Every structure is written in C-alpha cells, then in structure tokens.
C-alpha cells in the first residue's frame, strides 16, 4: 500500500471506531443488557484501535532528537 491508500484506510478505520463507540453508548444507554453483544463490539473496537495505531506509527515515524 502506498501512503495515500494508508491514509484512506486510516480514515475508514477511525470512522468505524467512532461508529462502534456510538453503538456501544446507545446499547448501554438504552439499558440493553446483552453483555455478549457489547463485549463483541468492544473487542472489535480494540482491534480497530490497534490497527489505527499501527498505521499512524508507519505514517508518522518517531524522530529521535
């Protein structure tokens, strides 16, 4: 993947992460007690966060001062 593709992928992952966050908030706010579904959404959200961090690390390398 080139840099532009990675940036597009990063933005898609961030949107999905925000959507999952909103879905989790909606489920917990509505009093839904399906803990298995909420746990699956949270697990997916964590995987997305890891993918986001990996792409960001690749696009913005650490600069040693």
PDB file of N, CA and C in Angstrom:
ATOM      1  N   UNK A   1       0.836  -1.189   0.000  1.00  0.00           N
ATOM      2  CA  UNK A   1       0.000   0.000   0.000  1.00  0.00           C
ATOM      3  C   UNK A   1       0.879   1.250   0.000  1.00  0.00           C
ATOM      4  N   UNK A   2       0.458   2.232  -0.777  1.00  0.00           N
ATOM      5  CA  UNK A   2       1.201   3.479  -0.757  1.00  0.00           C
ATOM      6  C   UNK A   2       0.639   4.395   0.343  1.00  0.00           C
ATOM      7  N   UNK A   3       1.245   5.549   0.496  1.00  0.00           N
ATOM      8  CA  UNK A   3       0.883   6.440   1.594  1.00  0.00           C
ATOM      9  C   UNK A   3      -0.563   6.928   1.495  1.00  0.00           C
ATOM     10  N   UNK A   4      -1.023   7.231   0.279  1.00  0.00           N
ATOM     11  CA  UNK A   4      -2.405   7.709   0.098  1.00  0.00           C
ATOM     12  C   UNK A   4      -3.406   6.632   0.482  1.00  0.00           C
ATOM     13  N   UNK A   5      -3.141   5.406   0.090  1.00  0.00           N
ATOM     14  CA  UNK A   5      -4.032   4.292   0.435  1.00  0.00           C
ATOM     15  C   UNK A   5      -4.080   4.088   1.942  1.00  0.00           C
ATOM     16  N   UNK A   6      -2.908   4.221   2.585  1.00  0.00           N
ATOM     17  CA  UNK A   6      -2.853   4.073   4.031  1.00  0.00           C
ATOM     18  C   UNK A   6      -3.653   5.171   4.730  1.00  0.00           C
ATOM     19  N   UNK A   7      -3.580   6.388   4.208  1.00  0.00           N
ATOM     20  CA  UNK A   7      -4.336   7.495   4.798  1.00  0.00           C
ATOM     21  C   UNK A   7      -5.839   7.268   4.656  1.00  0.00           C
ATOM     22  N   UNK A   8      -6.260   6.766   3.497  1.00  0.00           N
ATOM     23  CA  UNK A   8      -7.675   6.459   3.286  1.00  0.00           C
ATOM     24  C   UNK A   8      -8.125   5.343   4.220  1.00  0.00           C
ATOM     25  N   UNK A   9      -7.295   4.323   4.340  1.00  0.00           N
ATOM     26  CA  UNK A   9      -7.609   3.192   5.235  1.00  0.00           C
ATOM     27  C   UNK A   9      -7.698   3.688   6.678  1.00  0.00           C
ATOM     28  N   UNK A  10      -6.779   4.558   7.060  1.00  0.00           N
ATOM     29  CA  UNK A  10      -6.766   5.114   8.415  1.00  0.00           C
ATOM     30  C   UNK A  10      -8.061   5.866   8.691  1.00  0.00           C
ATOM     31  N   UNK A  11      -8.500   6.670   7.750  1.00  0.00           N
ATOM     32  CA  UNK A  11      -9.735   7.431   7.940  1.00  0.00           C
ATOM     33  C   UNK A  11     -10.944   6.504   8.046  1.00  0.00           C
ATOM     34  N   UNK A  12     -10.974   5.459   7.234  1.00  0.00           N
ATOM     35  CA  UNK A  12     -12.080   4.489   7.300  1.00  0.00           C
ATOM     36  C   UNK A  12     -12.110   3.795   8.658  1.00  0.00           C
ATOM     37  N   UNK A  13     -10.944   3.431   9.166  1.00  0.00           N
ATOM     38  CA  UNK A  13     -10.865   2.772  10.470  1.00  0.00           C
ATOM     39  C   UNK A  13     -11.333   3.704  11.582  1.00  0.00           C
ATOM     40  N   UNK A  14     -10.956   4.978  11.493  1.00  0.00           N
ATOM     41  CA  UNK A  14     -11.370   5.946  12.512  1.00  0.00           C
ATOM     42  C   UNK A  14     -12.881   6.140  12.502  1.00  0.00           C
ATOM     43  N   UNK A  15     -13.477   6.164  11.315  1.00  0.00           N
ATOM     44  CA  UNK A  15     -14.934   6.302  11.212  1.00  0.00           C
ATOM     45  C   UNK A  15     -15.617   5.085  11.828  1.00  0.00           C
ATOM     46  N   UNK A  16     -15.126   3.900  11.495  1.00  0.00           N
ATOM     47  CA  UNK A  16     -15.711   2.680  12.059  1.00  0.00           C
ATOM     48  C   UNK A  16     -15.557   2.653  13.578  1.00  0.00           C
ATOM     49  N   UNK A  17     -14.415   3.117  14.082  1.00  0.00           N
ATOM     50  CA  UNK A  17     -14.168   3.159  15.524  1.00  0.00           C
ATOM     51  C   UNK A  17     -15.176   4.079  16.205  1.00  0.00           C
ATOM     52  N   UNK A  18     -15.410   5.265  15.615  1.00  0.00           N
ATOM     53  CA  UNK A  18     -16.395   6.199  16.173  1.00  0.00           C
ATOM     54  C   UNK A  18     -17.804   5.615  16.127  1.00  0.00           C
ATOM     55  N   UNK A  19     -18.127   4.920  15.029  1.00  0.00           N
ATOM     56  CA  UNK A  19     -19.444   4.302  14.895  1.00  0.00           C
ATOM     57  C   UNK A  19     -19.650   3.225  15.962  1.00  0.00           C
ATOM     58  N   UNK A  20     -18.624   2.436  16.204  1.00  0.00           N
ATOM     59  CA  UNK A  20     -18.723   1.406  17.241  1.00  0.00           C
ATOM     60  C   UNK A  20     -18.889   2.039  18.618  1.00  0.00           C
ATOM     61  N   UNK A  21     -18.172   3.116  18.856  1.00  0.00           N
ATOM     62  CA  UNK A  21     -18.287   3.822  20.124  1.00  0.00           C
ATOM     63  C   UNK A  21     -19.721   4.319  20.322  1.00  0.00           C
ATOM     64  N   UNK A  22     -20.309   4.867  19.269  1.00  0.00           N
ATOM     65  CA  UNK A  22     -21.688   5.353  19.349  1.00  0.00           C
ATOM     66  C   UNK A  22     -22.665   4.195  19.566  1.00  0.00           C
ATOM     67  N   UNK A  23     -22.415   3.066  18.910  1.00  0.00           N
ATOM     68  CA  UNK A  23     -23.292   1.901  19.069  1.00  0.00           C
ATOM     69  C   UNK A  23     -23.225   1.359  20.492  1.00  0.00           C
ATOM     70  N   UNK A  24     -22.028   1.301  21.045  1.00  0.00           N
ATOM     71  CA  UNK A  24     -21.862   0.818  22.424  1.00  0.00           C
ATOM     72  C   UNK A  24     -22.571   1.756  23.392  1.00  0.00           C
ATOM     73  N   UNK A  25     -22.395   3.055  23.196  1.00  0.00           N
ATOM     74  CA  UNK A  25     -23.063   4.042  24.050  1.00  0.00           C
ATOM     75  C   UNK A  25     -24.579   3.915  23.949  1.00  0.00           C
ATOM     76  N   UNK A  26     -25.078   3.707  22.727  1.00  0.00           N
ATOM     77  CA  UNK A  26     -26.524   3.581  22.535  1.00  0.00           C
ATOM     78  C   UNK A  26     -27.066   2.335  23.228  1.00  0.00           C
ATOM     79  N   UNK A  27     -26.336   1.238  23.124  1.00  0.00           N
ATOM     80  CA  UNK A  27     -26.794  -0.005  23.760  1.00  0.00           C
ATOM     81  C   UNK A  27     -26.789   0.110  25.282  1.00  0.00           C
ATOM     82  N   UNK A  28     -25.728   0.672  25.820  1.00  0.00           N
ATOM     83  CA  UNK A  28     -25.650   0.797  27.277  1.00  0.00           C
ATOM     84  C   UNK A  28     -26.614   1.853  27.789  1.00  0.00           C
ATOM     85  N   UNK A  29     -26.820   2.920  27.018  1.00  0.00           N
ATOM     86  CA  UNK A  29     -27.732   3.984  27.420  1.00  0.00           C
ATOM     87  C   UNK A  29     -29.183   3.557  27.372  1.00  0.00           C
ATOM     88  N   UNK A  30     -29.501   2.628  26.464  1.00  0.00           N
ATOM     89  CA  UNK A  30     -30.876   2.163  26.315  1.00  0.00           C
ATOM     90  C   UNK A  30     -31.219   1.080  27.331  1.00  0.00           C
ATOM     91  N   UNK A  31     -30.248   0.705  28.140  1.00  0.00           N
ATOM     92  CA  UNK A  31     -30.497  -0.312  29.151  1.00  0.00           C
ATOM     93  C   UNK A  31     -30.452  -1.723  28.596  1.00  0.00           C
ATOM     94  N   UNK A  32     -29.897  -1.879  27.413  1.00  0.00           N
ATOM     95  CA  UNK A  32     -29.778  -3.207  26.817  1.00  0.00           C
ATOM     96  C   UNK A  32     -28.741  -3.985  27.642  1.00  0.00           C
ATOM     97  N   UNK A  33     -29.105  -5.156  28.047  1.00  0.00           N
ATOM     98  CA  UNK A  33     -28.210  -5.931  28.909  1.00  0.00           C
ATOM     99  C   UNK A  33     -27.603  -7.126  28.188  1.00  0.00           C
ATOM    100  N   UNK A  34     -27.501  -7.047  26.872  1.00  0.00           N
ATOM    101  CA  UNK A  34     -26.866  -8.111  26.103  1.00  0.00           C
ATOM    102  C   UNK A  34     -25.353  -7.934  26.203  1.00  0.00           C
ATOM    103  N   UNK A  35     -24.818  -8.445  27.293  1.00  0.00           N
ATOM    104  CA  UNK A  35     -23.393  -8.249  27.578  1.00  0.00           C
ATOM    105  C   UNK A  35     -22.492  -8.891  26.533  1.00  0.00           C
ATOM    106  N   UNK A  36     -22.947  -9.984  25.940  1.00  0.00           N
ATOM    107  CA  UNK A  36     -22.140 -10.652  24.925  1.00  0.00           C
ATOM    108  C   UNK A  36     -21.982  -9.760  23.685  1.00  0.00           C
ATOM    109  N   UNK A  37     -23.069  -9.138  23.268  1.00  0.00           N
ATOM    110  CA  UNK A  37     -23.000  -8.247  22.116  1.00  0.00           C
ATOM    111  C   UNK A  37     -22.125  -7.035  22.416  1.00  0.00           C
ATOM    112  N   UNK A  38     -22.285  -6.464  23.583  1.00  0.00           N
ATOM    113  CA  UNK A  38     -21.473  -5.304  23.970  1.00  0.00           C
ATOM    114  C   UNK A  38     -19.995  -5.697  24.040  1.00  0.00           C
ATOM    115  N   UNK A  39     -19.708  -6.862  24.583  1.00  0.00           N
ATOM    116  CA  UNK A  39     -18.321  -7.331  24.672  1.00  0.00           C
ATOM    117  C   UNK A  39     -17.716  -7.523  23.281  1.00  0.00           C
ATOM    118  N   UNK A  40     -18.509  -8.050  22.344  1.00  0.00           N
ATOM    119  CA  UNK A  40     -18.013  -8.240  20.978  1.00  0.00           C
ATOM    120  C   UNK A  40     -17.716  -6.900  20.317  1.00  0.00           C
ATOM    121  N   UNK A  41     -18.597  -5.933  20.524  1.00  0.00           N
ATOM    122  CA  UNK A  41     -18.372  -4.608  19.957  1.00  0.00           C
ATOM    123  C   UNK A  41     -17.119  -3.965  20.543  1.00  0.00           C
ATOM    124  N   UNK A  42     -16.936  -4.117  21.849  1.00  0.00           N
ATOM    125  CA  UNK A  42     -15.749  -3.552  22.494  1.00  0.00           C
ATOM    126  C   UNK A  42     -14.472  -4.220  21.996  1.00  0.00           C
ATOM    127  N   UNK A  43     -14.535  -5.536  21.770  1.00  0.00           N
ATOM    128  CA  UNK A  43     -13.372  -6.265  21.270  1.00  0.00           C
ATOM    129  C   UNK A  43     -13.029  -5.796  19.857  1.00  0.00           C
ATOM    130  N   UNK A  44     -14.051  -5.612  19.030  1.00  0.00           N
ATOM    131  CA  UNK A  44     -13.833  -5.113  17.669  1.00  0.00           C
ATOM    132  C   UNK A  44     -13.242  -3.699  17.714  1.00  0.00           C
ATOM    133  N   UNK A  45     -13.736  -2.884  18.641  1.00  0.00           N
ATOM    134  CA  UNK A  45     -13.244  -1.512  18.791  1.00  0.00           C
ATOM    135  C   UNK A  45     -11.758  -1.513  19.174  1.00  0.00           C
ATOM    136  N   UNK A  46     -11.356  -2.412  20.054  1.00  0.00           N
ATOM    137  CA  UNK A  46      -9.946  -2.508  20.446  1.00  0.00           C
ATOM    138  C   UNK A  46      -9.064  -2.942  19.276  1.00  0.00           C
ATOM    139  N   UNK A  47      -9.564  -3.869  18.459  1.00  0.00           N
ATOM    140  CA  UNK A  47      -8.801  -4.300  17.285  1.00  0.00           C
ATOM    141  C   UNK A  47      -8.612  -3.132  16.322  1.00  0.00           C
ATOM    142  N   UNK A  48      -9.672  -2.349  16.147  1.00  0.00           N
ATOM    143  CA  UNK A  48      -9.568  -1.182  15.280  1.00  0.00           C
ATOM    144  C   UNK A  48      -8.552  -0.188  15.821  1.00  0.00           C
ATOM    145  N   UNK A  49      -8.570   0.006  17.132  1.00  0.00           N
ATOM    146  CA  UNK A  49      -7.624   0.935  17.754  1.00  0.00           C
ATOM    147  C   UNK A  49      -6.184   0.483  17.503  1.00  0.00           C
ATOM    148  N   UNK A  50      -5.937  -0.817  17.589  1.00  0.00           N
ATOM    149  CA  UNK A  50      -4.601  -1.350  17.322  1.00  0.00           C
ATOM    150  C   UNK A  50      -4.203  -1.116  15.865  1.00  0.00           C
ATOM    151  N   UNK A  51      -5.134  -1.335  14.939  1.00  0.00           N
ATOM    152  CA  UNK A  51      -4.842  -1.123  13.525  1.00  0.00           C
ATOM    153  C   UNK A  51      -4.571   0.352  13.244  1.00  0.00           C
ATOM    154  N   UNK A  52      -5.356   1.225  13.873  1.00  0.00           N
ATOM    155  CA  UNK A  52      -5.162   2.669  13.710  1.00  0.00           C
ATOM    156  C   UNK A  52      -3.771   3.062  14.199  1.00  0.00           C
ATOM    157  N   UNK A  53      -3.399   2.577  15.365  1.00  0.00           N
ATOM    158  CA  UNK A  53      -2.090   2.906  15.936  1.00  0.00           C
ATOM    159  C   UNK A  53      -0.960   2.405  15.043  1.00  0.00           C
ATOM    160  N   UNK A  54      -1.124   1.223  14.470  1.00  0.00           N
ATOM    161  CA  UNK A  54      -0.090   0.657  13.621  1.00  0.00           C
ATOM    162  C   UNK A  54       0.099   1.506  12.360  1.00  0.00           C
ATOM    163  N   UNK A  55      -0.994   1.921  11.748  1.00  0.00           N
ATOM    164  CA  UNK A  55      -0.901   2.745  10.538  1.00  0.00           C
ATOM    165  C   UNK A  55      -0.329   4.116  10.873  1.00  0.00           C
ATOM    166  N   UNK A  56      -0.778   4.705  11.988  1.00  0.00           N
ATOM    167  CA  UNK A  56      -0.248   6.015  12.386  1.00  0.00           C
ATOM    168  C   UNK A  56       1.242   5.939  12.663  1.00  0.00           C
ATOM    169  N   UNK A  57       1.687   4.871  13.301  1.00  0.00           N
ATOM    170  CA  UNK A  57       3.124   4.696  13.561  1.00  0.00           C
ATOM    171  C   UNK A  57       3.914   4.605  12.257  1.00  0.00           C
ATOM    172  N   UNK A  58       3.330   3.961  11.280  1.00  0.00           N
ATOM    173  CA  UNK A  58       4.013   3.824   9.984  1.00  0.00           C
ATOM    174  C   UNK A  58       4.062   5.178   9.266  1.00  0.00           C
ATOM    175  N   UNK A  59       2.946   5.914   9.304  1.00  0.00           N
ATOM    176  CA  UNK A  59       2.878   7.182   8.582  1.00  0.00           C
ATOM    177  C   UNK A  59       3.654   8.296   9.286  1.00  0.00           C
ATOM    178  N   UNK A  60       3.712   8.239  10.610  1.00  0.00           N
ATOM    179  CA  UNK A  60       4.394   9.285  11.384  1.00  0.00           C
ATOM    180  C   UNK A  60       5.479   8.603  12.230  1.00  0.00           C
ATOM    181  N   UNK A  61       6.622   8.372  11.636  1.00  0.00           N
ATOM    182  CA  UNK A  61       7.686   7.690  12.385  1.00  0.00           C
ATOM    183  C   UNK A  61       8.233   8.580  13.511  1.00  0.00           C
ATOM    184  N   UNK A  62       8.740   7.929  14.525  1.00  0.00           N
ATOM    185  CA  UNK A  62       9.369   8.645  15.636  1.00  0.00           C
ATOM    186  C   UNK A  62      10.641   9.327  15.148  1.00  0.00           C
ATOM    187  N   UNK A  63      10.824  10.548  15.604  1.00  0.00           N
ATOM    188  CA  UNK A  63      12.046  11.273  15.267  1.00  0.00           C
ATOM    189  C   UNK A  63      12.879  11.393  16.539  1.00  0.00           C
ATOM    190  N   UNK A  64      14.064  10.849  16.477  1.00  0.00           N
ATOM    191  CA  UNK A  64      14.947  10.910  17.638  1.00  0.00           C
ATOM    192  C   UNK A  64      15.661  12.251  17.618  1.00  0.00           C
ATOM    193  N   UNK A  65      15.486  13.006  18.698  1.00  0.00           N
ATOM    194  CA  UNK A  65      16.086  14.353  18.744  1.00  0.00           C
ATOM    195  C   UNK A  65      17.514  14.286  19.220  1.00  0.00           C
TER     196      UNK A  65
END
